Amino acid sequence: MRNLRIGDVLKEYGYINEAQVEAALAYQKTHQNVRMGGALVELGYITEQQVMEALAQCLSLKLADVSGIDVEIEAVEKIPRPLAEKYEMLAVQQAENVLTVLLNDPLNFYGIEDIKQLTGMQLEIQLCESAPLKNAIRYYYAEVEARNAAKIANKSFDNQEIEELDFQEEGDDETPVINLLNRLVKRAYSTNASDIHIEPFEDQTVVRMRIDGVIVDYVTLQKSLHSSLIARIKILGDMDIAERRIPQDGHFRQKIEGEYVNIRVSMIPTVFGEKAVLRLLSGNAKIDYPSTFGMHETDFHKMQAMLNSPNGIIYFTGPTGSGKTTTLYMILEELSKRSVNISTIEDPVEKNLAKVNQMQVNNQAGLTFEAGLRALLRQDPDIIMVGETRDVETASISVRAAITGHLVFSTLHTNNAASSVIRLEDMGLEPYLIASSVVGIIAQRLVRKLCPDCEEVAETTEDEKQMLGEHVKMVHKAKGCPLCNYTGYRGRMAIHEIIQIDKQVRKMIQNGASSEEIEEYAVANQGMRTLKECSLQLVQEGITTVEELRKIAYYS
């Protein structure tokens, strides 16, 4: 078997011919780190699935799907991470003296023998495709490292009542608390978590993470460890370590896998100690349709028309965590390529943008949205972004800025696009000012996408048919697997409803039309798709579930 070559196996099974083997050998000469199977795949002669099937048949090995395996962390730990990455190999289960290992290249006899000698166990080899195997290695070793850091920190502080440690800014990464925090952040980054919650209770501290909008329990820490972990976070965030009675906010950056990740820190006092929330602000998350600001083509064209307006206000609406700021930043990055002066007033600045002048609210120093916006108007701006319209003063100044020749962006907290008009009126703005200043309103939500590795298809129930229509016979359901933290979902995508403020909508606003009337007009005459219609389409396409649709329909 050691003389077996992948090219010979694939030829034997009729997948390739001799000429293709010769071409792959030539390709390898200029791509030294590519193995024969990879070369054939990259040249398009064969698919990876065919390579795996041929090897599985020839070597009598099982072809495994990592998403369907209940991976044991104790087994993963048997192989050091550098070797797992080097040999593209993941230990998933162990029983007595047998270690089940997933790998992509069963002809790498040196690597297999190396792991066998290292572990002192017999190996049960199973084949797995490269991409899901690499993702699983990254995912599970981040889990191993974070949990090991927690164990070490817990052990270091076990049965001790420790005073605050005198951490230095550049501490030793092997210090248990520093290592623990680093691993928690790295773990959050590897799973695309948006927030880390460090919550003190009477007998323990609980660490939880928000992944795809849902809080997931992660690890439990010793109570005696809590104060030192909070102290480390405060030092990094440039906060007052001695102050424990009032809320504090801070910010720091950490380099993970070659990328600097901005981390915003919020600290509040609770009954059992200070609770910390660390929000990760990175470009790590994948965005569907990035070239169109995360929007579908029809919505993007409407957005483009608004951006070409010389002045006016464009409002982005939706609840907290609906991705409004992410969309706004994408738009500002695109606009910064023009010959324009862009200034922002934000609370807080979540991402630094090139060629954009960003100012952060500081209420204690008297720098409010209102004061900051007044100052910005004296800075000769072409485009202004106001992080949030919270009161009539901010709204009034934004209106005046729009009327006097500036393009203004801001956010509102409303359930849909049409109700934003009523919200502005409730703040105290006159209808004629709203009508003359607003260019468009974009409502946005984030919908969780089904995990592609574990989704199921089932017949629709009677209740689901009432929502989707009698013609929809099958729907996709969330199941749950290790790769999606057993939630059944992996990743989110944005949906939008957009109202353009044309002449008729202006008249309707001035005449006191209801939000329902404005929405009906936009649907009938502007081709607006409501949030409910957008999510309904995603359910029918098998991208999300009826449960996600219900969340949107509740607000629509």
Protein backbone atom coordinates (compact mmCIF):
# COMPACT_ATOMS: atom_id res chain seq x y z
CA MET A 1 0.00 0.00 0.00
CA ARG A 2 2.88 2.42 0.67
CA ASN A 3 3.69 2.48 -3.06
CA LEU A 4 0.09 3.31 -3.95
CA ARG A 5 -0.25 6.55 -5.87
CA ILE A 6 -3.40 8.66 -6.06
CA GLY A 7 -3.01 9.07 -9.83
CA ASP A 8 -3.00 5.29 -10.33
CA VAL A 9 -6.09 4.89 -8.12
CA LEU A 10 -8.04 7.54 -10.03
CA LYS A 11 -7.01 6.08 -13.40
CA GLU A 12 -8.08 2.63 -12.25
CA TYR A 13 -11.54 3.93 -11.41
CA GLY A 14 -11.80 5.73 -14.75
CA TYR A 15 -11.91 9.27 -13.35
CA ILE A 16 -8.83 10.53 -15.26
CA ASN A 17 -6.47 9.52 -18.06
CA GLU A 18 -2.67 9.46 -18.45
CA ALA A 19 -2.53 12.85 -20.17
CA GLN A 20 -4.28 14.44 -17.21
CA VAL A 21 -1.84 12.80 -14.82
CA GLU A 22 1.07 14.25 -16.84
CA ALA A 23 -0.56 17.69 -16.75
CA ALA A 24 -0.98 17.43 -12.97
CA LEU A 25 2.69 16.44 -12.56
CA ALA A 26 3.72 19.51 -14.57
CA TYR A 27 1.41 21.65 -12.42
CA GLN A 28 3.09 20.29 -9.26
CA LYS A 29 6.50 21.46 -10.47
CA THR A 30 5.35 25.08 -10.30
CA HIS A 31 3.18 24.56 -7.19
CA GLN A 32 5.44 22.60 -4.85
CA ASN A 33 3.08 22.38 -1.87
CA VAL A 34 0.20 20.91 -3.90
CA ARG A 35 -0.25 17.14 -3.79
CA MET A 36 -1.38 15.12 -6.82
CA GLY A 37 -5.03 14.94 -5.80
CA GLY A 38 -5.13 18.68 -5.14
CA ALA A 39 -3.48 19.41 -8.50
CA LEU A 40 -6.08 17.35 -10.37
CA VAL A 41 -8.87 19.15 -8.52
CA GLU A 42 -7.38 22.63 -9.14
CA LEU A 43 -6.97 21.81 -12.85
CA GLY A 44 -10.64 20.87 -13.02
CA TYR A 45 -10.10 17.28 -14.13
CA ILE A 46 -11.88 15.80 -11.13
CA THR A 47 -13.83 16.88 -8.06
CA GLU A 48 -12.63 16.43 -4.49
CA GLN A 49 -15.67 14.25 -3.85
CA GLN A 50 -14.54 11.87 -6.61
CA VAL A 51 -11.03 11.74 -5.14
CA MET A 52 -12.45 10.87 -1.73
CA GLU A 53 -14.81 8.22 -3.13
CA ALA A 54 -12.04 6.52 -5.12
CA LEU A 55 -9.67 6.44 -2.15
CA ALA A 56 -12.42 5.20 0.17
CA GLN A 57 -13.21 2.30 -2.18
CA CYS A 58 -9.58 1.42 -2.87
CA LEU A 59 -8.44 1.55 0.76
CA SER A 60 -11.72 0.26 2.28
CA LEU A 61 -12.10 3.40 4.36
CA LYS A 62 -15.23 5.20 5.54
CA LEU A 63 -16.09 8.57 3.99
CA ALA A 64 -17.15 10.78 6.92
CA ASP A 65 -19.12 14.02 7.27
CA VAL A 66 -17.59 15.97 10.16
CA SER A 67 -20.85 17.85 10.80
CA GLY A 68 -22.61 14.59 11.64
CA ILE A 69 -20.03 13.39 14.17
CA ASP A 70 -20.34 13.95 17.91
CA VAL A 71 -16.77 15.17 18.41
CA GLU A 72 -15.15 14.46 21.79
CA ILE A 73 -12.93 17.32 22.98
CA GLU A 74 -10.81 14.82 24.93
CA ALA A 75 -10.04 13.05 21.64
CA VAL A 76 -9.19 16.32 19.87
CA GLU A 77 -6.60 17.05 22.58
CA LYS A 78 -4.70 13.84 21.75
CA ILE A 79 -3.14 15.51 18.70
CA PRO A 80 -1.28 18.84 19.20
CA ARG A 81 -2.73 21.62 17.07
CA PRO A 82 0.47 22.24 15.00
CA LEU A 83 0.46 18.58 13.90
CA ALA A 84 -3.29 18.58 13.24
CA GLU A 85 -2.86 21.56 10.92
CA LYS A 86 0.32 20.21 9.34
CA TYR A 87 -1.17 16.81 8.50
CA GLU A 88 -4.76 18.14 8.07
CA MET A 89 -5.94 15.61 10.63
CA LEU A 90 -8.55 15.76 13.42
CA ALA A 91 -9.09 13.20 16.19
CA VAL A 92 -12.83 13.00 16.86
CA GLN A 93 -13.50 10.02 19.14
CA GLN A 94 -11.64 7.55 21.33
CA ALA A 95 -12.54 4.12 22.71
CA GLU A 96 -10.07 2.14 24.81
CA ASN A 97 -6.87 2.10 22.70
CA VAL A 98 -8.45 3.21 19.40
CA LEU A 99 -8.46 6.83 18.22
CA THR A 100 -10.83 7.75 15.37
CA VAL A 101 -9.11 10.27 13.10
CA LEU A 102 -10.46 12.26 10.14
CA LEU A 103 -7.98 13.16 7.43
CA ASN A 104 -7.92 14.31 3.85
CA ASP A 105 -4.87 12.44 2.57
CA PRO A 106 -4.76 8.74 3.59
CA LEU A 107 -1.56 8.28 1.57
CA ASN A 108 0.38 10.54 3.94
CA PHE A 109 1.86 7.48 5.68
CA TYR A 110 4.54 9.51 7.46
CA GLY A 111 1.95 11.73 9.14
CA ILE A 112 -0.23 8.76 10.14
CA GLU A 113 2.75 6.94 11.64
CA ASP A 114 3.87 10.09 13.46
CA ILE A 115 0.46 10.46 15.15
CA LYS A 116 0.34 6.75 15.96
CA GLN A 117 3.71 6.97 17.73
CA LEU A 118 2.79 10.19 19.50
CA THR A 119 -0.52 8.98 20.91
CA GLY A 120 0.47 5.35 21.47
CA MET A 121 -2.97 4.35 20.13
CA GLN A 122 -4.28 2.46 17.13
CA LEU A 123 -5.83 4.79 14.55
CA GLU A 124 -9.19 4.27 12.86
CA ILE A 125 -8.84 6.33 9.67
CA GLN A 126 -11.83 8.05 8.08
CA LEU A 127 -11.74 10.33 5.04
CA CYS A 128 -13.12 13.87 4.98
CA GLU A 129 -13.17 16.67 2.41
CA SER A 130 -10.58 19.41 2.92
CA ALA A 131 -12.69 22.56 3.47
CA PRO A 132 -15.02 21.21 6.20
CA LEU A 133 -12.06 19.43 7.83
CA LYS A 134 -10.00 22.65 8.02
CA ASN A 135 -12.99 24.53 9.44
CA ALA A 136 -13.50 21.81 12.05
CA ILE A 137 -9.80 21.89 13.06
CA ARG A 138 -9.95 25.66 13.52
CA TYR A 139 -13.23 25.45 15.42
CA TYR A 140 -12.39 22.62 17.83
CA TYR A 141 -8.84 23.74 18.67
CA ALA A 142 -10.13 27.22 19.53
CA GLU A 143 -12.55 25.40 21.85
CA VAL A 144 -9.74 23.29 23.36
CA GLU A 145 -7.45 26.27 23.94
CA ALA A 146 -10.14 28.43 25.57
CA ARG A 147 -11.33 25.64 27.85
CA ASN A 148 -7.77 24.72 28.83
CA ALA A 149 -7.06 28.36 29.64
CA ALA A 150 -10.17 28.42 31.83
CA LYS A 151 -9.07 25.21 33.60
CA ILE A 152 -5.58 26.57 34.27
CA ALA A 153 -6.96 29.88 35.54
CA ASN A 154 -9.53 28.11 37.72
CA LYS A 155 -6.84 25.84 39.15
CA SER A 156 -4.52 28.78 39.82
CA PHE A 157 -7.23 30.57 41.78
CA ASP A 158 -8.84 27.52 43.36
CA ASN A 159 -9.66 27.96 47.05
CA GLN A 160 -7.97 31.34 47.12
CA GLU A 161 -9.30 34.81 47.81
CA ILE A 162 -6.99 36.86 45.64
CA GLU A 163 -6.51 40.63 45.73
CA GLU A 164 -6.42 42.51 42.40
CA LEU A 165 -3.29 41.51 40.47
CA ASP A 166 -0.93 44.28 39.45
CA PHE A 167 -1.05 43.59 35.71
CA GLN A 168 1.23 45.50 33.39
CA GLU A 169 0.09 46.69 29.97
CA GLU A 170 2.49 44.28 28.29
CA GLY A 171 1.98 41.26 30.54
CA ASP A 172 3.27 37.74 30.20
CA ASP A 173 0.82 35.86 28.00
CA GLU A 174 1.41 32.76 30.16
CA THR A 175 -0.16 34.49 33.19
CA PRO A 176 -3.37 32.47 33.68
CA VAL A 177 -5.76 35.44 33.59
CA ILE A 178 -4.10 37.06 30.57
CA ASN A 179 -4.00 33.76 28.71
CA LEU A 180 -7.65 33.11 29.58
CA LEU A 181 -8.82 36.46 28.21
CA ASN A 182 -6.75 36.03 25.04
CA ARG A 183 -8.23 32.58 24.44
CA LEU A 184 -11.79 33.75 25.08
CA VAL A 185 -11.39 36.53 22.52
CA LYS A 186 -9.80 34.15 20.02
CA ARG A 187 -12.62 31.65 20.57
CA ALA A 188 -15.23 34.35 19.99
CA TYR A 189 -13.44 35.42 16.82
CA SER A 190 -13.23 31.86 15.46
CA THR A 191 -16.99 31.33 15.92
CA ASN A 192 -17.98 34.80 14.59
CA ALA A 193 -19.43 35.70 18.00
CA SER A 194 -20.39 39.36 18.27
CA ASP A 195 -20.20 39.64 22.09
CA ILE A 196 -18.59 37.99 25.10
CA HIS A 197 -20.60 38.26 28.34
CA ILE A 198 -18.68 37.81 31.61
CA GLU A 199 -21.37 37.56 34.29
CA PRO A 200 -20.74 37.27 38.07
CA PHE A 201 -23.13 35.29 40.26
CA GLU A 202 -23.07 34.27 43.91
CA ASP A 203 -20.87 31.17 43.58
CA GLN A 204 -19.36 31.41 40.09
CA THR A 205 -18.73 33.51 37.02
CA VAL A 206 -20.40 32.47 33.77
CA VAL A 207 -18.98 33.28 30.33
CA ARG A 208 -21.47 33.35 27.49
CA MET A 209 -21.17 34.36 23.83
CA ARG A 210 -23.65 35.82 21.36
CA ILE A 211 -23.42 33.90 18.10
CA ASP A 212 -25.72 34.80 15.19
CA GLY A 213 -27.82 36.88 17.56
CA VAL A 214 -28.35 34.11 20.14
CA ILE A 215 -26.66 33.85 23.58
CA VAL A 216 -24.80 30.54 24.04
CA ASP A 217 -23.41 29.31 27.39
CA TYR A 218 -19.68 28.71 27.11
CA VAL A 219 -17.67 28.16 30.31
CA THR A 220 -17.91 28.53 34.10
CA LEU A 221 -15.10 30.17 36.10
CA GLN A 222 -14.16 30.20 39.78
CA LYS A 223 -15.68 33.15 41.66
CA SER A 224 -12.22 34.06 43.01
CA LEU A 225 -10.98 34.54 39.43
CA HIS A 226 -13.57 37.19 38.55
CA SER A 227 -11.96 40.33 40.03
CA SER A 228 -8.60 39.66 38.37
CA LEU A 229 -10.21 38.99 34.99
CA ILE A 230 -12.19 42.24 35.26
CA ALA A 231 -9.01 44.10 36.27
CA ARG A 232 -7.21 42.81 33.16
CA ILE A 233 -10.10 43.94 30.93
CA LYS A 234 -10.14 47.39 32.58
CA ILE A 235 -6.41 47.87 32.03
CA LEU A 236 -6.71 46.98 28.36
CA GLY A 237 -9.78 49.22 27.98
CA ASP A 238 -8.07 52.17 29.73
CA MET A 239 -10.67 52.27 32.51
CA ASP A 240 -10.42 53.08 36.22
CA ILE A 241 -9.52 49.85 38.02
CA ALA A 242 -10.41 51.23 41.45
CA GLU A 243 -13.91 52.38 40.42
CA ARG A 244 -16.49 49.62 40.86
CA ARG A 245 -19.66 51.57 41.64
CA ILE A 246 -20.56 53.14 38.29
CA PRO A 247 -20.76 51.93 34.67
CA GLN A 248 -17.63 52.37 32.55
CA ASP A 249 -16.87 52.06 28.85
CA GLY A 250 -13.58 51.29 27.18
CA HIS A 251 -11.92 50.02 24.05
CA PHE A 252 -8.86 48.01 23.03
CA ARG A 253 -7.44 46.15 20.03
CA GLN A 254 -6.12 42.60 19.83
CA LYS A 255 -4.34 40.89 16.95
CA ILE A 256 -5.93 37.56 16.00
CA GLU A 257 -4.82 35.47 13.01
CA GLY A 258 -3.07 38.47 11.47
CA GLU A 259 -6.02 40.86 11.83
CA TYR A 260 -6.46 43.61 14.40
CA VAL A 261 -9.86 43.24 16.04
CA ASN A 262 -11.43 46.25 17.74
CA ILE A 263 -13.06 45.29 21.04
CA ARG A 264 -15.53 47.63 22.74
CA VAL A 265 -15.95 47.08 26.49
CA SER A 266 -18.96 47.92 28.64
CA MET A 267 -18.72 47.46 32.43
CA ILE A 268 -21.63 47.72 34.87
CA PRO A 269 -21.89 47.01 38.63
CA THR A 270 -24.22 44.15 39.64
CA VAL A 271 -25.14 42.61 42.99
CA PHE A 272 -22.31 40.05 42.83
CA GLY A 273 -19.65 42.15 41.09
CA GLU A 274 -18.99 43.91 37.82
CA LYS A 275 -20.37 42.45 34.61
CA ALA A 276 -18.35 42.95 31.42
CA VAL A 277 -19.54 42.76 27.84
CA LEU A 278 -16.88 42.71 25.13
CA ARG A 279 -18.16 43.46 21.63
CA LEU A 280 -15.92 42.31 18.78
CA LEU A 281 -15.84 44.68 15.83
CA SER A 282 -13.94 43.00 13.01
CA GLY A 283 -14.12 42.37 9.29
CA ASN A 284 -14.16 38.67 10.07
CA ALA A 285 -17.87 38.10 9.45
CA LYS A 286 -18.83 37.23 5.90
CA ILE A 287 -21.47 39.47 4.34
CA ASP A 288 -23.79 38.28 1.61
CA TYR A 289 -23.76 40.58 -1.43
CA PRO A 290 -20.90 42.84 -0.17
CA SER A 291 -20.69 44.70 -3.49
CA THR A 292 -24.28 45.88 -3.02
CA PHE A 293 -24.01 46.85 0.69
CA GLY A 294 -25.54 43.51 1.69
CA MET A 295 -28.69 44.31 -0.33
CA HIS A 296 -30.39 42.47 -3.16
CA GLU A 297 -30.05 44.06 -6.57
CA THR A 298 -33.42 45.85 -6.64
CA ASP A 299 -32.90 47.42 -3.21
CA PHE A 300 -29.34 48.40 -4.13
CA HIS A 301 -30.51 50.40 -7.16
CA LYS A 302 -32.95 52.31 -4.94
CA MET A 303 -30.13 52.96 -2.48
CA GLN A 304 -27.85 54.20 -5.26
CA ALA A 305 -30.49 56.70 -6.39
CA MET A 306 -30.69 58.06 -2.83
CA LEU A 307 -26.88 58.36 -2.57
CA ASN A 308 -26.84 60.48 -5.72
CA SER A 309 -29.09 63.04 -4.07
CA PRO A 310 -27.16 66.30 -3.43
CA ASN A 311 -28.83 66.79 -0.04
CA GLY A 312 -31.42 65.34 2.30
CA ILE A 313 -31.62 62.75 5.09
CA ILE A 314 -31.46 58.99 4.68
CA TYR A 315 -32.66 57.09 7.76
CA PHE A 316 -31.72 53.50 8.63
CA THR A 317 -34.20 51.92 11.02
CA GLY A 318 -34.48 48.76 13.04
CA PRO A 319 -33.95 47.42 16.57
CA THR A 320 -30.56 47.15 18.28
CA GLY A 321 -28.39 44.50 16.62
CA SER A 322 -30.06 44.63 13.21
CA GLY A 323 -26.86 45.57 11.37
CA LYS A 324 -27.67 49.25 10.71
CA THR A 325 -24.18 50.48 11.62
CA THR A 326 -22.48 47.82 9.49
CA THR A 327 -24.51 48.87 6.46
CA LEU A 328 -23.83 52.55 7.15
CA TYR A 329 -20.08 51.95 7.38
CA MET A 330 -20.08 50.08 4.06
CA ILE A 331 -21.86 53.02 2.44
CA LEU A 332 -19.52 55.60 3.99
CA GLU A 333 -16.48 53.61 2.79
CA GLU A 334 -17.87 53.73 -0.74
CA LEU A 335 -18.73 57.45 -0.52
CA SER A 336 -15.24 58.27 0.81
CA LYS A 337 -13.88 57.40 -2.65
CA ARG A 338 -15.61 60.52 -3.97
CA SER A 339 -14.14 64.02 -3.66
CA VAL A 340 -16.20 64.85 -0.58
CA ASN A 341 -15.68 65.77 3.07
CA ILE A 342 -17.36 63.22 5.34
CA SER A 343 -17.79 63.80 9.08
CA THR A 344 -19.53 61.66 11.70
CA ILE A 345 -20.74 61.98 15.29
CA GLU A 346 -21.12 58.53 16.89
CA ASP A 347 -21.66 56.85 20.25
CA PRO A 348 -19.28 55.05 20.13
CA VAL A 349 -17.08 54.93 17.02
CA GLU A 350 -17.22 51.21 16.17
CA LYS A 351 -14.79 51.12 13.26
CA ASN A 352 -12.13 53.52 12.01
CA LEU A 353 -12.76 54.55 8.40
CA ALA A 354 -10.14 55.97 6.05
CA LYS A 355 -10.79 59.55 4.81
CA VAL A 356 -13.73 59.92 7.23
CA ASN A 357 -13.56 62.38 10.14
CA GLN A 358 -15.10 60.55 13.10
CA MET A 359 -16.07 62.15 16.41
CA GLN A 360 -17.21 60.22 19.48
CA VAL A 361 -19.87 61.40 21.91
CA ASN A 362 -18.59 62.26 25.41
CA ASN A 363 -21.56 63.24 27.55
CA GLN A 364 -19.44 63.83 30.67
CA ALA A 365 -17.41 66.43 28.80
CA GLY A 366 -20.53 67.98 27.27
CA LEU A 367 -20.01 66.53 23.78
CA THR A 368 -23.54 65.33 23.03
CA PHE A 369 -25.04 64.44 19.66
CA GLU A 370 -26.59 67.90 19.55
CA ALA A 371 -23.37 69.78 20.42
CA GLY A 372 -21.26 67.60 18.12
CA LEU A 373 -23.64 68.04 15.20
CA ARG A 374 -23.66 71.84 15.63
CA ALA A 375 -19.85 71.78 15.54
CA LEU A 376 -19.77 69.55 12.46
CA LEU A 377 -21.86 72.03 10.50
CA ARG A 378 -19.02 74.57 10.92
CA GLN A 379 -16.51 72.08 9.46
CA ASP A 380 -17.60 72.50 5.83
CA PRO A 381 -18.92 68.92 5.44
CA ASP A 382 -20.54 67.47 2.32
CA ILE A 383 -21.80 64.34 4.05
CA ILE A 384 -22.69 63.94 7.74
CA MET A 385 -23.45 60.75 9.65
CA VAL A 386 -25.29 61.06 12.97
CA GLY A 387 -24.99 57.77 14.84
CA GLU A 388 -28.51 57.93 16.25
CA THR A 389 -31.44 60.36 16.21
CA ARG A 390 -32.55 60.24 19.84
CA ASP A 391 -34.39 63.50 20.46
CA VAL A 392 -36.04 66.47 18.78
CA GLU A 393 -32.91 68.66 19.08
CA THR A 394 -30.75 66.20 17.12
CA ALA A 395 -33.57 65.63 14.61
CA SER A 396 -34.09 69.38 14.12
CA ILE A 397 -30.39 70.08 13.49
CA SER A 398 -30.23 67.13 11.06
CA VAL A 399 -33.21 68.57 9.17
CA ARG A 400 -31.60 72.00 8.97
CA ALA A 401 -28.36 70.41 7.73
CA ALA A 402 -30.26 68.54 5.03
CA ILE A 403 -32.21 71.60 3.91
CA THR A 404 -29.02 73.70 3.70
CA GLY A 405 -27.30 71.38 1.24
CA HIS A 406 -25.82 68.44 3.16
CA LEU A 407 -26.41 64.73 2.69
CA VAL A 408 -27.16 63.31 6.15
CA PHE A 409 -27.28 59.71 7.36
CA SER A 410 -28.76 58.65 10.68
CA THR A 411 -30.44 55.75 12.46
CA LEU A 412 -33.80 55.40 14.18
CA HIS A 413 -35.28 52.67 16.36
CA THR A 414 -38.55 51.76 14.62
CA ASN A 415 -40.13 48.48 13.56
CA ASN A 416 -40.48 49.24 9.84
CA ALA A 417 -39.77 51.96 7.30
CA ALA A 418 -43.17 53.65 7.19
CA SER A 419 -43.47 54.04 10.98
CA SER A 420 -40.29 56.16 10.98
CA VAL A 421 -42.33 59.12 9.76
CA ILE A 422 -44.68 58.79 12.74
CA ARG A 423 -41.67 58.44 15.07
CA LEU A 424 -40.20 61.72 13.82
CA GLU A 425 -43.56 63.44 14.26
CA ASP A 426 -43.77 62.07 17.82
CA MET A 427 -40.36 63.60 18.51
CA GLY A 428 -41.87 66.99 17.65
CA LEU A 429 -40.79 67.59 14.04
CA GLU A 430 -43.32 69.36 11.83
CA PRO A 431 -44.63 67.21 8.94
CA TYR A 432 -43.55 69.80 6.34
CA LEU A 433 -39.94 69.62 7.63
CA ILE A 434 -39.96 65.82 7.41
CA ALA A 435 -41.43 65.92 3.91
CA SER A 436 -38.92 68.45 2.62
CA SER A 437 -35.78 66.92 4.17
CA VAL A 438 -36.08 63.11 4.08
CA VAL A 439 -34.84 61.37 0.90
CA GLY A 440 -35.51 57.78 1.89
CA ILE A 441 -35.98 55.32 4.73
CA ILE A 442 -34.39 51.86 4.90
CA ALA A 443 -35.62 49.31 7.45
CA GLN A 444 -33.24 46.42 8.09
CA ARG A 445 -33.26 43.08 9.91
CA LEU A 446 -30.78 40.22 10.21
CA VAL A 447 -32.17 36.75 9.51
CA ARG A 448 -30.32 33.63 10.63
CA LYS A 449 -29.35 31.22 7.84
CA LEU A 450 -29.71 27.47 8.16
CA CYS A 451 -26.54 25.51 8.82
CA PRO A 452 -25.77 23.78 5.48
CA ASP A 453 -24.25 20.78 7.25
CA CYS A 454 -27.28 19.71 9.27
CA GLU A 455 -30.44 21.27 7.83
CA GLU A 456 -33.43 18.95 7.33
CA VAL A 457 -36.42 19.03 5.00
CA ALA A 458 -39.91 18.30 6.32
CA GLU A 459 -43.51 18.60 5.20
CA THR A 460 -45.28 21.82 6.12
CA THR A 461 -47.79 21.74 8.95
CA GLU A 462 -51.24 23.31 8.65
CA ASP A 463 -50.05 26.30 10.68
CA GLU A 464 -47.07 26.76 8.36
CA LYS A 465 -49.26 26.50 5.26
CA GLN A 466 -51.37 29.40 6.54
CA MET A 467 -48.22 31.56 6.70
CA LEU A 468 -46.52 30.32 3.53
CA GLY A 469 -49.44 29.37 1.30
CA GLU A 470 -51.00 26.04 0.38
CA HIS A 471 -48.60 25.60 -2.56
CA VAL A 472 -45.58 25.26 -0.22
CA LYS A 473 -45.39 21.55 0.56
CA MET A 474 -41.90 21.28 2.11
CA VAL A 475 -39.83 23.54 4.37
CA HIS A 476 -36.27 23.42 5.69
CA LYS A 477 -35.79 22.90 9.42
CA ALA A 478 -32.95 23.62 11.84
CA LYS A 479 -31.44 20.51 13.41
CA GLY A 480 -28.12 21.35 15.06
CA CYS A 481 -24.57 19.98 14.83
CA PRO A 482 -21.13 20.74 16.34
CA LEU A 483 -20.27 23.19 13.55
CA CYS A 484 -23.23 25.45 14.41
CA ASN A 485 -23.08 25.08 18.22
CA TYR A 486 -26.13 22.81 17.93
CA THR A 487 -28.35 25.80 17.04
CA GLY A 488 -29.15 24.68 13.48
CA TYR A 489 -28.09 28.08 12.13
CA ARG A 490 -24.81 29.45 10.84
CA GLY A 491 -24.43 33.05 9.74
CA ARG A 492 -26.97 35.77 9.10
CA MET A 493 -28.04 37.86 6.13
CA ALA A 494 -29.70 41.25 5.92
CA ILE A 495 -33.15 41.94 4.52
CA HIS A 496 -34.48 45.41 3.75
CA GLU A 497 -37.57 47.39 2.95
CA ILE A 498 -37.00 50.77 1.33
CA ILE A 499 -39.34 53.74 0.95
CA GLN A 500 -38.27 56.50 -1.43
CA ILE A 501 -39.72 59.87 -0.50
CA ASP A 502 -41.15 60.96 -3.86
CA LYS A 503 -43.65 63.78 -4.53
CA GLN A 504 -46.66 61.67 -3.60
CA VAL A 505 -45.14 60.46 -0.33
CA ARG A 506 -44.26 64.07 0.54
CA LYS A 507 -47.90 65.05 0.02
CA MET A 508 -49.04 62.13 2.14
CA ILE A 509 -46.71 63.14 5.00
CA GLN A 510 -47.89 66.77 4.86
CA ASN A 511 -51.52 65.63 4.87
CA GLY A 512 -50.99 63.45 7.93
CA ALA A 513 -51.27 60.03 6.24
CA SER A 514 -50.89 56.97 8.48
CA SER A 515 -47.89 54.63 8.29
CA GLU A 516 -50.17 51.94 6.79
CA GLU A 517 -51.20 54.27 3.95
CA ILE A 518 -47.58 55.20 3.20
CA GLU A 519 -46.55 51.52 3.21
CA GLU A 520 -49.44 50.54 0.88
CA TYR A 521 -48.42 53.29 -1.56
CA ALA A 522 -44.75 52.20 -1.53
CA VAL A 523 -45.71 48.55 -2.18
CA ALA A 524 -48.11 49.43 -4.99
CA ASN A 525 -46.11 52.18 -6.73
CA GLN A 526 -42.45 51.71 -5.80
CA GLY A 527 -42.31 47.93 -5.84
CA MET A 528 -41.27 47.87 -2.19
CA ARG A 529 -40.89 44.41 -0.67
CA THR A 530 -41.79 44.42 3.01
CA LEU A 531 -39.59 42.75 5.59
CA LYS A 532 -42.19 39.99 5.90
CA GLU A 533 -42.19 39.37 2.13
CA CYS A 534 -38.36 39.26 2.07
CA SER A 535 -38.18 36.71 4.88
CA LEU A 536 -41.04 34.70 3.35
CA GLN A 537 -39.02 34.38 0.15
CA LEU A 538 -35.98 33.18 2.11
CA VAL A 539 -38.10 30.46 3.74
CA GLN A 540 -39.39 29.33 0.34
CA GLU A 541 -35.82 29.25 -1.00
CA GLY A 542 -34.69 27.07 1.93
CA ILE A 543 -32.28 29.70 3.29
CA THR A 544 -34.02 30.18 6.64
CA THR A 545 -36.87 28.73 8.70
CA VAL A 546 -40.47 29.51 9.56
CA GLU A 547 -39.29 30.36 13.11
CA GLU A 548 -37.16 33.20 11.72
CA LEU A 549 -40.10 34.35 9.58
CA ARG A 550 -42.29 34.54 12.69
CA LYS A 551 -39.83 36.95 14.31
CA ILE A 552 -40.11 39.29 11.34
CA ALA A 553 -43.87 38.82 10.91
CA TYR A 554 -44.35 39.76 14.57
CA TYR A 555 -43.07 43.24 13.79
CA SER A 556 -44.59 43.60 10.32
